[in-house]
Amino acid sequence: MATIRDVSKLAGVSVATVSRVLNKSGYVHKSTIEAVEKAMQTLQYKPSHIARSLAGKRTATVALIVPNILNPFFPLLARAIEDTAQENGFSVLLCNSDSSTEKERQYMEVLATKQVDGLLLASYTARPEELSAFERDSSIPVVLVDNCFPGQPIASFIARHREGARMAVRHLTAQGCRKIAHISGPPHVFAAHERRLAYEELCQDQPWYTPDLIVQSDYMISGGELAVKQLLSRHPDVDGVFAGNDLLAVGAMRVLYAMGVHVPGQIKLIGFDGVAVDYAVPGLSTVVQPVYEIGTQAMRHLLARIRGESVAPEIREFDTRLASAASTGC
């Protein structure tokens, strides 16, 4: 059975344009209408009467696209968004993109049929021009979470990652660490980039600093395991590790335990996010993001957009806080 996406491909137009033709909403050039109608006829496409009946009306539904639902950061974010949505009579569709550009694009094409009223997007691959085009073509407002595009008119809700990373490095220094390494997240991720910059800012002038004290990894436990092995093979005298998120810190801690390296006696370890501390023994020091508050405020902003209120597309930053525990000797 043909889908609206099949029609868009055959007609050489976007899914949003096909939707406008079906719903007779917005301006579409006559030649484009003819191309879409011809593609529908060729494919014997039968539009959903339910979807068409919803055109131009609110469905009281928003979508949330996240890159990895296995990362505990995103379920907590989703819970905050869902709680706020339900308080306001809305439901939430959860989409997991697996950090795949293609999968994310497919989700957005489906959402562009106007069966949702708004989109909350936690994406590390989307580009600002793509999001602007999506909003323009679909009339669906978009709010970014855990990412931002400075200088672009796209509402964004993020933590102050650089300041939080400074807290982490300064804490390790205050606890007596004399050679600190950093396990960084993917370089294309805004948060990972900001945290790495903060580490470099504070450490690059130290006599012990060298660029290979930074190991790049993904944001998973397995990434932390591999990264700490690389670090110790290069610098067996490291006595402090700032992990780019809590999952990396947990992975590092597991390997250190297996190698007989005492935490915090030989190496002090700190993470970031404040979402995986229950997985760590000893207790994990971390920089806590106000994840629930970020999700709540992002959802409230999206609701205001949906209701047609005049709200500026600001970049809203949230303070982090240090939570010290046994992994840094506290």
Protein backbone atom coordinates (compact mmCIF):
# COMPACT_ATOMS: atom_id res chain seq x y z
CA MET A 1 0.00 0.00 0.00
CA ALA A 2 1.42 3.38 -1.04
CA THR A 3 2.21 5.99 1.59
CA ILE A 4 2.35 9.76 1.52
CA ARG A 5 6.15 9.45 1.48
CA ASP A 6 5.96 7.35 -1.70
CA VAL A 7 3.84 10.06 -3.29
CA SER A 8 6.31 12.78 -2.30
CA LYS A 9 9.23 10.86 -3.82
CA LEU A 10 7.46 10.19 -7.09
CA ALA A 11 6.24 13.78 -7.37
CA GLY A 12 9.64 15.16 -6.40
CA VAL A 13 8.29 17.29 -3.55
CA SER A 14 8.34 17.22 0.25
CA VAL A 15 5.85 15.32 2.39
CA ALA A 16 4.66 18.67 3.74
CA THR A 17 3.83 19.82 0.19
CA VAL A 18 1.83 16.65 -0.46
CA SER A 19 -0.01 17.30 2.81
CA ARG A 20 -0.88 20.85 1.71
CA VAL A 21 -2.25 19.53 -1.59
CA LEU A 22 -4.36 16.91 0.19
CA ASN A 23 -5.68 19.35 2.76
CA LYS A 24 -5.99 22.30 0.37
CA SER A 25 -4.05 24.43 2.86
CA GLY A 26 -1.44 27.04 2.01
CA TYR A 27 -0.22 28.09 -1.41
CA VAL A 28 0.93 25.37 -3.81
CA HIS A 29 1.80 26.07 -7.44
CA LYS A 30 -0.61 24.60 -9.99
CA SER A 31 2.11 22.49 -11.64
CA THR A 32 3.04 21.05 -8.25
CA ILE A 33 -0.60 20.15 -7.54
CA GLU A 34 -0.76 18.38 -10.87
CA ALA A 35 2.46 16.46 -10.17
CA VAL A 36 1.18 15.33 -6.78
CA GLU A 37 -2.21 14.29 -8.16
CA LYS A 38 -0.52 12.37 -10.97
CA ALA A 39 1.72 10.56 -8.47
CA MET A 40 -1.30 9.68 -6.32
CA GLN A 41 -3.09 8.28 -9.34
CA THR A 42 -0.06 6.27 -10.47
CA LEU A 43 0.45 4.79 -7.01
CA GLN A 44 -3.28 4.42 -6.34
CA TYR A 45 -2.70 6.30 -3.11
CA LYS A 46 -5.72 6.66 -0.83
CA PRO A 47 -5.26 9.37 1.81
CA SER A 48 -6.33 8.70 5.37
CA HIS A 49 -9.71 10.29 6.00
CA ILE A 50 -8.84 10.56 9.68
CA ALA A 51 -5.65 12.44 8.93
CA ARG A 52 -7.45 14.74 6.51
CA SER A 53 -10.18 15.46 9.03
CA LEU A 54 -7.49 16.66 11.42
CA ALA A 55 -6.04 19.14 8.95
CA GLY A 56 -5.99 22.65 10.30
CA LYS A 57 -7.16 21.50 13.73
CA ARG A 58 -5.26 20.86 16.90
CA THR A 59 -4.71 17.24 17.83
CA ALA A 60 -3.48 18.04 21.37
CA THR A 61 -0.41 15.96 20.56
CA VAL A 62 3.27 16.88 20.41
CA ALA A 63 6.26 14.78 19.38
CA LEU A 64 9.60 14.33 21.12
CA ILE A 65 12.55 13.01 19.11
CA VAL A 66 15.55 11.83 21.15
CA PRO A 67 18.86 10.35 19.92
CA ASN A 68 19.17 7.47 22.37
CA ILE A 69 16.44 6.37 24.76
CA LEU A 70 18.94 4.07 26.54
CA ASN A 71 20.77 7.08 27.93
CA PRO A 72 19.04 7.81 31.29
CA PHE A 73 19.16 11.54 30.54
CA PHE A 74 16.44 11.20 27.91
CA PRO A 75 13.82 9.20 29.85
CA LEU A 76 14.01 11.82 32.61
CA LEU A 77 13.66 14.57 30.00
CA ALA A 78 10.72 12.73 28.42
CA ARG A 79 9.04 12.33 31.81
CA ALA A 80 9.19 16.08 32.45
CA ILE A 81 7.80 16.83 29.00
CA GLU A 82 5.02 14.27 29.35
CA ASP A 83 4.02 15.49 32.83
CA THR A 84 3.80 19.08 31.62
CA ALA A 85 1.96 18.05 28.47
CA GLN A 86 -0.65 16.06 30.38
CA GLU A 87 -1.22 18.93 32.81
CA ASN A 88 -2.21 20.98 29.77
CA GLY A 89 -4.34 18.33 28.04
CA PHE A 90 -1.68 17.18 25.56
CA SER A 91 -0.21 13.78 24.73
CA VAL A 92 3.39 13.06 23.67
CA LEU A 93 4.65 10.82 20.87
CA LEU A 94 8.17 9.55 21.62
CA CYS A 95 10.52 8.89 18.69
CA ASN A 96 13.99 7.38 19.11
CA SER A 97 16.33 8.33 16.24
CA ASP A 98 19.39 6.29 17.31
CA SER A 99 21.40 9.39 16.35
CA SER A 100 20.63 8.55 12.72
CA THR A 101 20.20 11.51 10.39
CA GLU A 102 18.06 9.45 8.03
CA LYS A 103 15.82 8.05 10.76
CA GLU A 104 15.36 11.52 12.23
CA ARG A 105 14.45 12.90 8.81
CA GLN A 106 11.91 10.12 8.29
CA TYR A 107 10.25 10.93 11.60
CA MET A 108 10.04 14.59 10.69
CA GLU A 109 8.52 13.77 7.30
CA VAL A 110 5.79 11.76 8.99
CA LEU A 111 5.20 14.51 11.55
CA ALA A 112 4.94 17.04 8.71
CA THR A 113 1.52 15.63 7.81
CA LYS A 114 0.24 17.88 10.62
CA GLN A 115 -0.95 15.17 12.93
CA VAL A 116 1.01 16.82 15.75
CA ASP A 117 0.82 20.39 17.02
CA GLY A 118 4.48 20.82 17.93
CA LEU A 119 7.89 19.16 18.00
CA LEU A 120 10.50 18.97 20.75
CA LEU A 121 13.79 17.90 19.25
CA ALA A 122 16.90 16.59 21.00
CA SER A 123 19.13 16.20 17.96
CA TYR A 124 22.86 16.24 17.38
CA THR A 125 22.60 15.97 13.59
CA ALA A 126 19.86 18.42 12.52
CA ARG A 127 20.92 21.66 10.87
CA PRO A 128 19.26 25.04 11.52
CA GLU A 129 18.29 25.52 7.88
CA GLU A 130 16.53 22.14 7.91
CA LEU A 131 14.55 23.03 11.02
CA SER A 132 13.58 26.44 9.62
CA ALA A 133 12.38 24.77 6.41
CA PHE A 134 10.41 22.20 8.42
CA GLU A 135 8.65 24.90 10.43
CA ARG A 136 7.91 26.92 7.31
CA ASP A 137 6.58 24.00 5.25
CA SER A 138 4.63 22.21 7.98
CA SER A 139 3.60 25.13 10.24
CA ILE A 140 4.68 22.95 13.18
CA PRO A 141 6.69 24.89 15.81
CA VAL A 142 10.01 23.35 16.84
CA VAL A 143 11.84 23.68 20.16
CA LEU A 144 15.37 22.35 20.64
CA VAL A 145 16.38 20.58 23.84
CA ASP A 146 19.99 19.86 24.88
CA ASN A 147 21.30 21.59 21.77
CA CYS A 148 21.35 25.08 20.30
CA PHE A 149 22.37 27.09 17.27
CA PRO A 150 23.70 30.45 18.48
CA GLY A 151 22.59 33.29 16.26
CA GLN A 152 19.68 31.32 14.80
CA PRO A 153 16.01 32.08 15.59
CA ILE A 154 15.33 28.64 17.08
CA ALA A 155 14.19 28.27 20.69
CA SER A 156 16.66 26.17 22.66
CA PHE A 157 16.75 24.87 26.23
CA ILE A 158 20.16 23.75 27.52
CA ALA A 159 22.32 23.59 30.61
CA ARG A 160 25.37 25.77 31.10
CA HIS A 161 27.68 22.95 30.06
CA ARG A 162 30.91 24.92 30.02
CA GLU A 163 30.42 26.30 33.51
CA GLY A 164 29.45 22.84 34.77
CA ALA A 165 32.61 21.33 33.29
CA ARG A 166 34.68 24.01 35.01
CA MET A 167 33.12 22.91 38.30
CA ALA A 168 34.17 19.32 37.61
CA VAL A 169 37.79 20.12 36.78
CA ARG A 170 38.15 22.56 39.68
CA HIS A 171 36.71 19.97 42.04
CA LEU A 172 39.31 17.39 40.97
CA THR A 173 42.04 19.98 41.44
CA ALA A 174 40.73 20.90 44.88
CA GLN A 175 40.76 17.20 45.81
CA GLY A 176 44.49 17.07 45.11
CA CYS A 177 44.62 15.73 41.54
CA ARG A 178 47.86 16.63 39.77
CA LYS A 179 47.22 15.15 36.33
CA ILE A 180 43.65 15.21 35.05
CA ALA A 181 42.38 13.48 31.91
CA HIS A 182 39.11 13.97 30.06
CA ILE A 183 36.87 11.41 28.37
CA SER A 184 35.00 13.52 25.85
CA GLY A 185 31.71 12.82 24.13
CA PRO A 186 31.25 13.00 20.33
CA PRO A 187 32.72 16.25 18.94
CA HIS A 188 29.59 17.12 16.93
CA VAL A 189 27.48 17.16 20.11
CA PHE A 190 27.13 20.71 21.44
CA ALA A 191 27.27 19.67 25.11
CA ALA A 192 30.37 17.51 24.58
CA HIS A 193 32.10 20.31 22.71
CA GLU A 194 31.38 22.82 25.49
CA ARG A 195 32.60 20.47 28.22
CA ARG A 196 35.80 19.73 26.35
CA LEU A 197 36.48 23.43 25.83
CA ALA A 198 36.14 24.03 29.56
CA TYR A 199 38.59 21.22 30.35
CA GLU A 200 41.11 22.60 27.85
CA GLU A 201 40.66 26.13 29.14
CA LEU A 202 41.57 25.11 32.69
CA CYS A 203 44.23 22.49 31.96
CA GLN A 204 46.14 23.47 28.82
CA ASP A 205 48.55 25.80 30.66
CA GLN A 206 49.46 23.18 33.25
CA PRO A 207 52.98 21.66 32.95
CA TRP A 208 51.54 18.14 32.82
CA TYR A 209 49.01 18.85 30.06
CA THR A 210 49.18 17.15 26.66
CA PRO A 211 46.37 16.83 24.07
CA ASP A 212 46.35 13.04 24.30
CA LEU A 213 44.98 13.34 27.84
CA ILE A 214 41.67 13.74 25.98
CA VAL A 215 40.04 10.60 24.64
CA GLN A 216 36.96 10.93 22.47
CA SER A 217 34.16 8.40 22.84
CA ASP A 218 30.42 7.91 22.51
CA TYR A 219 28.11 8.57 25.43
CA MET A 220 27.70 4.92 26.50
CA ILE A 221 29.14 2.75 29.29
CA SER A 222 31.16 0.74 26.77
CA GLY A 223 32.71 3.97 25.53
CA GLY A 224 33.92 4.78 29.01
CA GLU A 225 35.43 1.31 29.37
CA LEU A 226 37.46 1.62 26.17
CA ALA A 227 38.46 5.22 26.82
CA VAL A 228 39.91 4.67 30.29
CA LYS A 229 42.00 1.76 28.98
CA GLN A 230 43.44 4.08 26.32
CA LEU A 231 44.12 6.78 28.88
CA LEU A 232 45.99 4.51 31.27
CA SER A 233 48.04 2.99 28.47
CA ARG A 234 49.19 6.49 27.52
CA HIS A 235 49.38 8.05 30.98
CA PRO A 236 49.58 5.52 33.83
CA ASP A 237 50.22 8.40 36.23
CA VAL A 238 46.80 10.02 35.72
CA ASP A 239 45.16 10.62 39.11
CA GLY A 240 41.96 12.40 38.04
CA VAL A 241 39.41 11.73 35.28
CA PHE A 242 36.62 14.04 34.18
CA ALA A 243 34.15 11.91 32.21
CA GLY A 244 31.92 13.71 29.69
CA ASN A 245 28.78 12.13 31.11
CA ASP A 246 27.75 9.74 33.87
CA LEU A 247 27.58 6.67 31.63
CA LEU A 248 31.19 7.22 30.55
CA ALA A 249 32.13 7.58 34.21
CA VAL A 250 30.37 4.32 35.14
CA GLY A 251 32.18 2.50 32.32
CA ALA A 252 35.51 3.92 33.43
CA MET A 253 34.83 2.93 37.04
CA ARG A 254 34.05 -0.67 36.03
CA VAL A 255 37.36 -1.03 34.19
CA LEU A 256 39.35 0.61 36.97
CA TYR A 257 37.81 -1.83 39.46
CA ALA A 258 38.65 -4.79 37.20
CA MET A 259 42.25 -3.56 36.87
CA GLY A 260 42.62 -3.22 40.62
CA VAL A 261 42.92 0.57 40.46
CA HIS A 262 41.36 2.06 43.58
CA VAL A 263 38.78 4.83 43.22
CA PRO A 264 39.28 7.38 44.74
CA GLY A 265 42.59 6.33 46.31
CA GLN A 266 44.57 6.14 43.06
CA ILE A 267 42.26 7.87 40.61
CA LYS A 268 39.49 10.31 41.41
CA LEU A 269 36.57 10.26 38.97
CA ILE A 270 33.73 12.66 38.21
CA GLY A 271 30.90 12.53 35.67
CA PHE A 272 28.30 14.91 34.28
CA ASP A 273 24.46 14.92 34.09
CA GLY A 274 23.45 13.57 37.50
CA VAL A 275 21.35 10.76 36.04
CA ALA A 276 23.36 7.56 36.54
CA VAL A 277 24.65 7.88 40.10
CA ASP A 278 22.62 4.84 41.21
CA TYR A 279 24.69 2.62 38.90
CA ALA A 280 28.02 3.43 40.54
CA VAL A 281 29.84 1.94 43.52
CA PRO A 282 31.46 3.85 45.13
CA GLY A 283 29.07 6.78 44.82
CA LEU A 284 29.75 8.90 41.75
CA SER A 285 30.62 12.57 41.96
CA THR A 286 28.93 14.42 39.13
CA VAL A 287 27.76 17.76 37.80
CA VAL A 288 23.98 17.73 37.94
CA GLN A 289 21.88 19.17 35.13
CA PRO A 290 18.33 20.26 36.06
CA VAL A 291 16.97 17.84 33.43
CA TYR A 292 13.39 17.86 34.67
CA GLU A 293 13.28 21.66 34.79
CA ILE A 294 14.74 21.88 31.29
CA GLY A 295 12.06 19.54 29.94
CA THR A 296 9.30 21.37 31.79
CA GLN A 297 10.30 24.80 30.53
CA ALA A 298 10.84 23.59 26.97
CA MET A 299 7.34 22.08 26.92
CA ARG A 300 5.80 25.26 28.34
CA HIS A 301 7.51 27.30 25.63
CA LEU A 302 6.21 24.96 22.93
CA LEU A 303 2.68 25.18 24.33
CA ALA A 304 2.89 28.96 24.17
CA ARG A 305 3.92 28.72 20.52
CA ILE A 306 1.05 26.34 19.77
CA ARG A 307 -1.42 28.74 21.37
CA GLY A 308 -0.16 31.55 19.20
CA GLU A 309 1.39 33.55 22.02
CA SER A 310 4.18 35.97 21.20
CA VAL A 311 7.31 34.33 22.62
CA ALA A 312 10.87 35.05 21.54
CA PRO A 313 12.97 32.17 20.16
CA GLU A 314 15.50 32.50 22.99
CA ILE A 315 18.37 30.25 24.03
CA ARG A 316 17.48 29.46 27.63
CA GLU A 317 20.40 28.26 29.77
CA PHE A 318 20.07 26.52 33.13
CA ASP A 319 22.57 26.41 36.01
CA THR A 320 24.25 23.16 36.99
CA ARG A 321 25.48 22.14 40.43
CA LEU A 322 28.26 19.97 41.79
CA ALA A 323 27.25 16.80 43.67
CA SER A 324 30.38 15.38 45.30
CA ALA A 325 30.52 11.76 46.44
CA ALA A 326 32.94 8.94 47.21
CA SER A 327 34.47 8.69 43.72
CA THR A 328 36.38 11.92 44.36
CA GLY A 329 37.08 11.20 48.01
CA CYS A 330 34.13 13.09 49.45
